[in-house]
Amino acid sequence: METQSNYTLIGLFVVALASTLVILSLWLVGDTGRGDTETYLVYIEESVSGLEANSRVRMQGVPVGHVHSIALDPRDPKRVRVRLELATGTPVRTDTEATLRNEGLTGLLRLELTGGSPGAEPLSRREGEDFPVISYRP
C-alpha cells in the first residue's frame, strides 16, 4: 500500500509541475489572445534592422498591437513597408506619428506611436493604398 501512495504522489507532482510550466510559458509569451485588430501601414526610409515581425507597437507607452510583416515597398525599394495590427479602438488620428525605439538592451526595436490629438480626424485609407498609412518620423 505504501508504494502505491508514493507513485500517486509522484504522479500528482509531475502533473502539477507540467501544468505550472504550461501556464508559465503562456504568461511569458504574453498576448495569447490578440482579439479584434485593425491593419495600418508605416513606410520607413531608413534601416529597420532590429525590427521583426511580432515586435511590439506601443502608443504613449501602452501596448496596442504588433508588427505583422516587414517588406520592401515594391513601388520604391528605398522604403520599407511595415504592416501593423493594432487593437480595435486604438485612437489613430491624422496627426499620429510612428517612430522606432530601442526595446531594452537587446538591440531589438519596437514602433512607438505618438500624437493623436482629440481634435484630429481618425486616420482613413488613402486612394491607392490597401490600408490607412501612419506617417513616420525619424
N, C-alpha and C. Protein backbone atom coordinates (compact mmCIF):
# COMPACT_ATOMS: atom_id res chain seq x y z
N MET A 1 0.80 -1.19 0.00
CA MET A 1 0.00 0.00 0.00
C MET A 1 0.86 1.27 0.00
N GLU A 2 1.98 1.16 0.72
CA GLU A 2 2.83 2.33 0.83
C GLU A 2 3.46 2.68 -0.52
N THR A 3 3.85 1.70 -1.33
CA THR A 3 4.45 2.00 -2.62
C THR A 3 3.45 2.63 -3.57
N GLN A 4 2.18 2.26 -3.49
CA GLN A 4 1.17 2.86 -4.36
C GLN A 4 0.98 4.34 -4.03
N SER A 5 0.99 4.71 -2.77
CA SER A 5 0.81 6.10 -2.40
C SER A 5 1.99 6.95 -2.89
N ASN A 6 3.20 6.38 -2.88
CA ASN A 6 4.35 7.11 -3.39
C ASN A 6 4.21 7.37 -4.89
N TYR A 7 3.77 6.37 -5.64
CA TYR A 7 3.57 6.56 -7.07
C TYR A 7 2.47 7.59 -7.35
N THR A 8 1.43 7.57 -6.53
CA THR A 8 0.35 8.55 -6.69
C THR A 8 0.86 9.96 -6.42
N LEU A 9 1.63 10.13 -5.36
CA LEU A 9 2.18 11.45 -5.06
C LEU A 9 3.14 11.92 -6.15
N ILE A 10 3.96 11.03 -6.64
CA ILE A 10 4.88 11.40 -7.73
C ILE A 10 4.09 11.78 -8.98
N GLY A 11 3.05 11.01 -9.30
CA GLY A 11 2.22 11.34 -10.46
C GLY A 11 1.55 12.69 -10.31
N LEU A 12 1.00 13.00 -9.15
CA LEU A 12 0.37 14.29 -8.90
C LEU A 12 1.39 15.42 -9.01
N PHE A 13 2.60 15.18 -8.50
CA PHE A 13 3.65 16.19 -8.58
C PHE A 13 4.04 16.47 -10.04
N VAL A 14 4.17 15.43 -10.84
CA VAL A 14 4.53 15.60 -12.25
C VAL A 14 3.42 16.35 -13.00
N VAL A 15 2.17 16.02 -12.75
CA VAL A 15 1.05 16.72 -13.40
C VAL A 15 1.03 18.19 -12.98
N ALA A 16 1.22 18.46 -11.70
CA ALA A 16 1.23 19.84 -11.21
C ALA A 16 2.39 20.62 -11.81
N LEU A 17 3.57 20.01 -11.89
CA LEU A 17 4.73 20.67 -12.47
C LEU A 17 4.52 20.95 -13.95
N ALA A 18 3.98 20.01 -14.69
CA ALA A 18 3.72 20.21 -16.12
C ALA A 18 2.70 21.32 -16.32
N SER A 19 1.66 21.35 -15.52
CA SER A 19 0.65 22.40 -15.63
C SER A 19 1.25 23.77 -15.34
N THR A 20 2.09 23.83 -14.33
CA THR A 20 2.76 25.09 -13.98
C THR A 20 3.66 25.57 -15.11
N LEU A 21 4.39 24.66 -15.73
CA LEU A 21 5.26 25.03 -16.85
C LEU A 21 4.46 25.55 -18.04
N VAL A 22 3.34 24.94 -18.34
CA VAL A 22 2.49 25.39 -19.45
C VAL A 22 1.95 26.79 -19.16
N ILE A 23 1.45 27.00 -17.97
CA ILE A 23 0.91 28.32 -17.60
C ILE A 23 2.01 29.37 -17.62
N LEU A 24 3.19 29.04 -17.10
CA LEU A 24 4.31 29.97 -17.09
C LEU A 24 4.74 30.33 -18.51
N SER A 25 4.81 29.35 -19.40
CA SER A 25 5.22 29.64 -20.79
C SER A 25 4.18 30.52 -21.49
N LEU A 26 2.89 30.27 -21.25
CA LEU A 26 1.87 31.14 -21.84
C LEU A 26 1.97 32.55 -21.30
N TRP A 27 2.27 32.69 -20.03
CA TRP A 27 2.41 34.01 -19.43
C TRP A 27 3.63 34.74 -20.01
N LEU A 28 4.74 34.01 -20.19
CA LEU A 28 5.94 34.63 -20.75
C LEU A 28 5.75 35.06 -22.19
N VAL A 29 5.03 34.25 -22.96
CA VAL A 29 4.76 34.62 -24.35
C VAL A 29 3.87 35.85 -24.38
N GLY A 30 2.90 35.91 -23.48
CA GLY A 30 2.02 37.07 -23.36
C GLY A 30 1.15 37.24 -24.58
N ASP A 31 0.15 38.07 -24.46
CA ASP A 31 -0.74 38.44 -25.57
C ASP A 31 -1.21 37.21 -26.34
N THR A 32 -1.66 36.17 -25.61
CA THR A 32 -2.07 34.95 -26.29
C THR A 32 -3.34 35.14 -27.10
N GLY A 33 -4.25 35.96 -26.62
CA GLY A 33 -5.46 36.25 -27.38
C GLY A 33 -5.39 37.67 -27.89
N ARG A 34 -5.14 37.85 -29.16
CA ARG A 34 -4.94 39.20 -29.68
C ARG A 34 -6.25 39.94 -29.88
N GLY A 35 -7.34 39.25 -30.02
CA GLY A 35 -8.63 39.92 -30.16
C GLY A 35 -8.79 40.56 -31.53
N ASP A 36 -9.76 41.45 -31.65
CA ASP A 36 -10.03 42.14 -32.91
C ASP A 36 -8.95 43.19 -33.16
N THR A 37 -8.51 43.24 -34.42
CA THR A 37 -7.45 44.19 -34.77
C THR A 37 -7.82 44.97 -36.02
N GLU A 38 -7.13 46.09 -36.21
CA GLU A 38 -7.23 46.89 -37.42
C GLU A 38 -5.84 46.98 -38.02
N THR A 39 -5.76 46.99 -39.33
CA THR A 39 -4.47 46.98 -40.02
C THR A 39 -4.10 48.39 -40.47
N TYR A 40 -2.84 48.75 -40.26
CA TYR A 40 -2.28 50.03 -40.70
C TYR A 40 -0.93 49.77 -41.35
N LEU A 41 -0.47 50.73 -42.13
CA LEU A 41 0.85 50.66 -42.76
C LEU A 41 1.70 51.83 -42.28
N VAL A 42 3.02 51.59 -42.23
CA VAL A 42 4.00 52.64 -41.99
C VAL A 42 5.09 52.45 -43.02
N TYR A 43 5.47 53.53 -43.71
CA TYR A 43 6.58 53.47 -44.66
C TYR A 43 7.79 54.14 -44.03
N ILE A 44 8.91 53.41 -43.97
CA ILE A 44 10.12 53.89 -43.31
C ILE A 44 11.24 53.95 -44.33
N GLU A 45 11.95 55.09 -44.37
CA GLU A 45 13.04 55.26 -45.33
C GLU A 45 14.40 55.20 -44.66
N GLU A 46 14.55 54.31 -43.69
CA GLU A 46 15.83 54.07 -43.05
C GLU A 46 15.90 52.60 -42.66
N SER A 47 17.03 52.18 -42.16
CA SER A 47 17.20 50.77 -41.80
C SER A 47 16.26 50.40 -40.66
N VAL A 48 15.64 49.24 -40.79
CA VAL A 48 14.78 48.71 -39.74
C VAL A 48 15.42 47.49 -39.11
N SER A 49 16.75 47.41 -39.17
CA SER A 49 17.47 46.30 -38.57
C SER A 49 17.17 46.27 -37.08
N GLY A 50 16.66 45.15 -36.61
CA GLY A 50 16.27 45.01 -35.21
C GLY A 50 14.76 44.99 -35.04
N LEU A 51 14.02 45.43 -36.06
CA LEU A 51 12.56 45.35 -36.03
C LEU A 51 12.16 44.04 -36.70
N GLU A 52 11.30 43.29 -36.05
CA GLU A 52 10.92 41.99 -36.57
C GLU A 52 9.41 41.84 -36.55
N ALA A 53 8.92 40.86 -37.30
CA ALA A 53 7.51 40.52 -37.20
C ALA A 53 7.21 40.14 -35.76
N ASN A 54 6.07 40.55 -35.27
CA ASN A 54 5.64 40.36 -33.88
C ASN A 54 6.32 41.29 -32.89
N SER A 55 7.11 42.27 -33.38
CA SER A 55 7.64 43.28 -32.47
C SER A 55 6.49 44.09 -31.91
N ARG A 56 6.68 44.64 -30.75
CA ARG A 56 5.62 45.40 -30.08
C ARG A 56 5.38 46.75 -30.73
N VAL A 57 4.14 47.17 -30.67
CA VAL A 57 3.75 48.53 -31.05
C VAL A 57 3.10 49.13 -29.82
N ARG A 58 3.59 50.31 -29.42
CA ARG A 58 3.04 50.99 -28.25
C ARG A 58 2.58 52.38 -28.65
N MET A 59 1.57 52.86 -27.95
CA MET A 59 1.09 54.24 -28.14
C MET A 59 1.16 54.92 -26.79
N GLN A 60 1.99 55.95 -26.71
CA GLN A 60 2.22 56.66 -25.45
C GLN A 60 2.68 55.68 -24.37
N GLY A 61 3.40 54.62 -24.74
CA GLY A 61 3.91 53.64 -23.80
C GLY A 61 2.98 52.48 -23.51
N VAL A 62 1.76 52.53 -24.03
CA VAL A 62 0.77 51.47 -23.78
C VAL A 62 0.80 50.48 -24.94
N PRO A 63 0.91 49.17 -24.67
CA PRO A 63 0.90 48.19 -25.77
C PRO A 63 -0.44 48.21 -26.50
N VAL A 64 -0.40 48.41 -27.82
CA VAL A 64 -1.64 48.48 -28.61
C VAL A 64 -1.63 47.50 -29.78
N GLY A 65 -0.53 46.79 -30.01
CA GLY A 65 -0.52 45.86 -31.14
C GLY A 65 0.87 45.31 -31.40
N HIS A 66 1.03 44.81 -32.64
CA HIS A 66 2.29 44.19 -33.03
C HIS A 66 2.54 44.43 -34.51
N VAL A 67 3.79 44.23 -34.90
CA VAL A 67 4.18 44.30 -36.31
C VAL A 67 3.77 42.99 -36.96
N HIS A 68 2.98 43.08 -38.00
CA HIS A 68 2.51 41.87 -38.70
C HIS A 68 3.56 41.40 -39.70
N SER A 69 4.08 42.33 -40.52
CA SER A 69 5.06 41.94 -41.53
C SER A 69 5.92 43.14 -41.92
N ILE A 70 7.09 42.83 -42.47
CA ILE A 70 8.04 43.85 -42.92
C ILE A 70 8.51 43.44 -44.31
N ALA A 71 8.45 44.36 -45.26
CA ALA A 71 8.90 44.06 -46.63
C ALA A 71 9.32 45.35 -47.32
N LEU A 72 10.08 45.22 -48.38
CA LEU A 72 10.42 46.38 -49.19
C LEU A 72 9.19 46.83 -49.96
N ASP A 73 9.05 48.13 -50.14
CA ASP A 73 7.94 48.68 -50.90
C ASP A 73 8.19 48.39 -52.38
N PRO A 74 7.29 47.68 -53.05
CA PRO A 74 7.53 47.35 -54.47
C PRO A 74 7.57 48.58 -55.37
N ARG A 75 6.94 49.68 -54.96
CA ARG A 75 6.94 50.89 -55.78
C ARG A 75 8.20 51.73 -55.58
N ASP A 76 8.86 51.60 -54.41
CA ASP A 76 10.06 52.37 -54.12
C ASP A 76 10.96 51.53 -53.22
N PRO A 77 12.00 50.89 -53.78
CA PRO A 77 12.83 49.98 -52.99
C PRO A 77 13.63 50.66 -51.88
N LYS A 78 13.64 51.99 -51.81
CA LYS A 78 14.32 52.68 -50.72
C LYS A 78 13.45 52.73 -49.47
N ARG A 79 12.18 52.38 -49.62
CA ARG A 79 11.24 52.42 -48.49
C ARG A 79 10.94 51.01 -48.00
N VAL A 80 10.74 50.90 -46.68
CA VAL A 80 10.34 49.64 -46.07
C VAL A 80 8.87 49.77 -45.69
N ARG A 81 8.09 48.78 -46.09
CA ARG A 81 6.65 48.76 -45.80
C ARG A 81 6.41 47.89 -44.57
N VAL A 82 5.96 48.52 -43.48
CA VAL A 82 5.71 47.80 -42.23
C VAL A 82 4.20 47.75 -42.02
N ARG A 83 3.69 46.54 -41.91
CA ARG A 83 2.25 46.34 -41.70
C ARG A 83 2.01 46.10 -40.21
N LEU A 84 1.11 46.88 -39.61
CA LEU A 84 0.81 46.79 -38.19
C LEU A 84 -0.58 46.23 -37.96
N GLU A 85 -0.73 45.48 -36.90
CA GLU A 85 -2.04 45.01 -36.43
C GLU A 85 -2.25 45.66 -35.06
N LEU A 86 -3.17 46.63 -35.00
CA LEU A 86 -3.45 47.35 -33.76
C LEU A 86 -4.81 46.95 -33.22
N ALA A 87 -4.95 46.99 -31.91
CA ALA A 87 -6.22 46.65 -31.27
C ALA A 87 -7.32 47.58 -31.78
N THR A 88 -8.48 47.00 -32.05
CA THR A 88 -9.62 47.80 -32.49
C THR A 88 -9.93 48.85 -31.44
N GLY A 89 -10.13 50.07 -31.90
CA GLY A 89 -10.42 51.16 -30.99
C GLY A 89 -9.20 51.99 -30.61
N THR A 90 -8.01 51.61 -31.11
CA THR A 90 -6.82 52.41 -30.86
C THR A 90 -7.02 53.77 -31.54
N PRO A 91 -6.84 54.88 -30.81
CA PRO A 91 -7.15 56.20 -31.38
C PRO A 91 -6.07 56.70 -32.34
N VAL A 92 -6.02 56.12 -33.53
CA VAL A 92 -5.06 56.55 -34.55
C VAL A 92 -5.70 57.68 -35.33
N ARG A 93 -5.07 58.85 -35.29
CA ARG A 93 -5.60 60.06 -35.93
C ARG A 93 -4.68 60.49 -37.07
N THR A 94 -5.09 61.52 -37.79
CA THR A 94 -4.30 62.00 -38.92
C THR A 94 -2.96 62.58 -38.46
N ASP A 95 -2.85 63.03 -37.20
CA ASP A 95 -1.58 63.57 -36.71
C ASP A 95 -0.77 62.56 -35.89
N THR A 96 -1.15 61.29 -35.91
CA THR A 96 -0.39 60.24 -35.23
C THR A 96 0.87 59.94 -36.04
N GLU A 97 2.01 59.83 -35.34
CA GLU A 97 3.27 59.53 -35.99
C GLU A 97 3.90 58.30 -35.36
N ALA A 98 4.64 57.56 -36.17
CA ALA A 98 5.36 56.37 -35.70
C ALA A 98 6.85 56.67 -35.66
N THR A 99 7.53 56.19 -34.64
CA THR A 99 8.98 56.28 -34.54
C THR A 99 9.52 54.94 -34.08
N LEU A 100 10.79 54.67 -34.41
CA LEU A 100 11.45 53.45 -33.95
C LEU A 100 12.12 53.73 -32.61
N ARG A 101 11.95 52.82 -31.67
CA ARG A 101 12.55 52.95 -30.34
C ARG A 101 13.25 51.64 -29.98
N ASN A 102 14.32 51.75 -29.18
CA ASN A 102 15.02 50.56 -28.69
C ASN A 102 14.16 49.86 -27.66
N GLU A 103 14.21 48.55 -27.68
CA GLU A 103 13.47 47.70 -26.73
C GLU A 103 14.49 47.11 -25.77
N GLY A 104 14.87 47.86 -24.75
CA GLY A 104 15.83 47.37 -23.76
C GLY A 104 17.24 47.33 -24.30
N LEU A 105 18.04 46.41 -23.79
CA LEU A 105 19.46 46.30 -24.16
C LEU A 105 19.72 45.28 -25.26
N THR A 106 18.67 44.68 -25.78
CA THR A 106 18.84 43.57 -26.72
C THR A 106 19.17 44.00 -28.15
N GLY A 107 18.97 45.27 -28.47
CA GLY A 107 19.17 45.73 -29.83
C GLY A 107 17.93 45.59 -30.70
N LEU A 108 16.89 45.02 -30.14
CA LEU A 108 15.63 44.91 -30.88
C LEU A 108 14.90 46.25 -30.84
N LEU A 109 14.06 46.47 -31.82
CA LEU A 109 13.31 47.71 -31.93
C LEU A 109 11.83 47.47 -31.78
N ARG A 110 11.10 48.50 -31.42
CA ARG A 110 9.64 48.50 -31.41
C ARG A 110 9.19 49.78 -32.07
N LEU A 111 7.93 49.84 -32.47
CA LEU A 111 7.36 51.06 -33.01
C LEU A 111 6.59 51.77 -31.89
N GLU A 112 6.81 53.06 -31.77
CA GLU A 112 6.11 53.89 -30.79
C GLU A 112 5.25 54.89 -31.55
N LEU A 113 3.96 54.89 -31.25
CA LEU A 113 3.04 55.84 -31.86
C LEU A 113 2.82 57.00 -30.90
N THR A 114 2.91 58.21 -31.44
CA THR A 114 2.68 59.42 -30.64
C THR A 114 1.70 60.32 -31.36
N GLY A 115 1.18 61.27 -30.63
CA GLY A 115 0.22 62.21 -31.23
C GLY A 115 -1.19 61.68 -31.11
N GLY A 116 -2.00 62.08 -32.02
CA GLY A 116 -3.40 61.67 -31.98
C GLY A 116 -4.22 62.60 -31.11
N SER A 117 -4.15 63.88 -31.41
CA SER A 117 -4.91 64.85 -30.62
C SER A 117 -6.41 64.63 -30.80
N PRO A 118 -7.20 64.95 -29.76
CA PRO A 118 -8.65 64.71 -29.82
C PRO A 118 -9.36 65.44 -30.96
N GLY A 119 -8.83 66.60 -31.37
CA GLY A 119 -9.48 67.36 -32.43
C GLY A 119 -9.19 66.87 -33.83
N ALA A 120 -8.19 65.98 -33.98
CA ALA A 120 -7.82 65.48 -35.31
C ALA A 120 -8.81 64.41 -35.76
N GLU A 121 -8.93 64.29 -37.07
CA GLU A 121 -9.81 63.28 -37.67
C GLU A 121 -9.19 61.90 -37.54
N PRO A 122 -10.02 60.86 -37.43
CA PRO A 122 -9.48 59.49 -37.46
C PRO A 122 -8.80 59.22 -38.80
N LEU A 123 -7.74 58.44 -38.75
CA LEU A 123 -6.98 58.12 -39.96
C LEU A 123 -7.78 57.18 -40.84
N SER A 124 -7.85 57.48 -42.13
CA SER A 124 -8.58 56.62 -43.06
C SER A 124 -7.68 56.25 -44.23
N ARG A 125 -8.11 55.29 -44.99
CA ARG A 125 -7.35 54.77 -46.13
C ARG A 125 -7.30 55.80 -47.24
N ARG A 126 -6.09 55.99 -47.81
CA ARG A 126 -5.92 56.89 -48.95
C ARG A 126 -6.13 56.14 -50.25
N GLU A 127 -6.41 56.88 -51.29
CA GLU A 127 -6.56 56.32 -52.64
C GLU A 127 -5.26 55.61 -53.03
N GLY A 128 -5.38 54.37 -53.50
CA GLY A 128 -4.22 53.61 -53.96
C GLY A 128 -3.54 52.81 -52.86
N GLU A 129 -3.98 52.90 -51.64
CA GLU A 129 -3.39 52.14 -50.54
C GLU A 129 -4.38 51.07 -50.07
N ASP A 130 -3.84 49.95 -49.60
CA ASP A 130 -4.69 48.88 -49.09
C ASP A 130 -5.25 49.20 -47.71
N PHE A 131 -4.43 49.92 -46.91
CA PHE A 131 -4.78 50.22 -45.52
C PHE A 131 -4.41 51.67 -45.22
N PRO A 132 -4.92 52.23 -44.11
CA PRO A 132 -4.52 53.58 -43.73
C PRO A 132 -3.01 53.62 -43.45
N VAL A 133 -2.36 54.74 -43.78
CA VAL A 133 -0.91 54.88 -43.62
C VAL A 133 -0.62 55.87 -42.51
N ILE A 134 0.12 55.41 -41.51
CA ILE A 134 0.57 56.26 -40.42
C ILE A 134 1.90 56.88 -40.84
N SER A 135 2.04 58.20 -40.68
CA SER A 135 3.28 58.86 -41.08
C SER A 135 4.41 58.48 -40.13
N TYR A 136 5.63 58.49 -40.66
CA TYR A 136 6.81 58.09 -39.90
C TYR A 136 7.68 59.31 -39.64
N ARG A 137 8.19 59.41 -38.42
CA ARG A 137 9.11 60.48 -38.05
C ARG A 137 10.42 59.84 -37.61
N PRO A 138 11.53 60.14 -38.31
CA PRO A 138 12.83 59.54 -37.94
C PRO A 138 13.26 59.94 -36.54
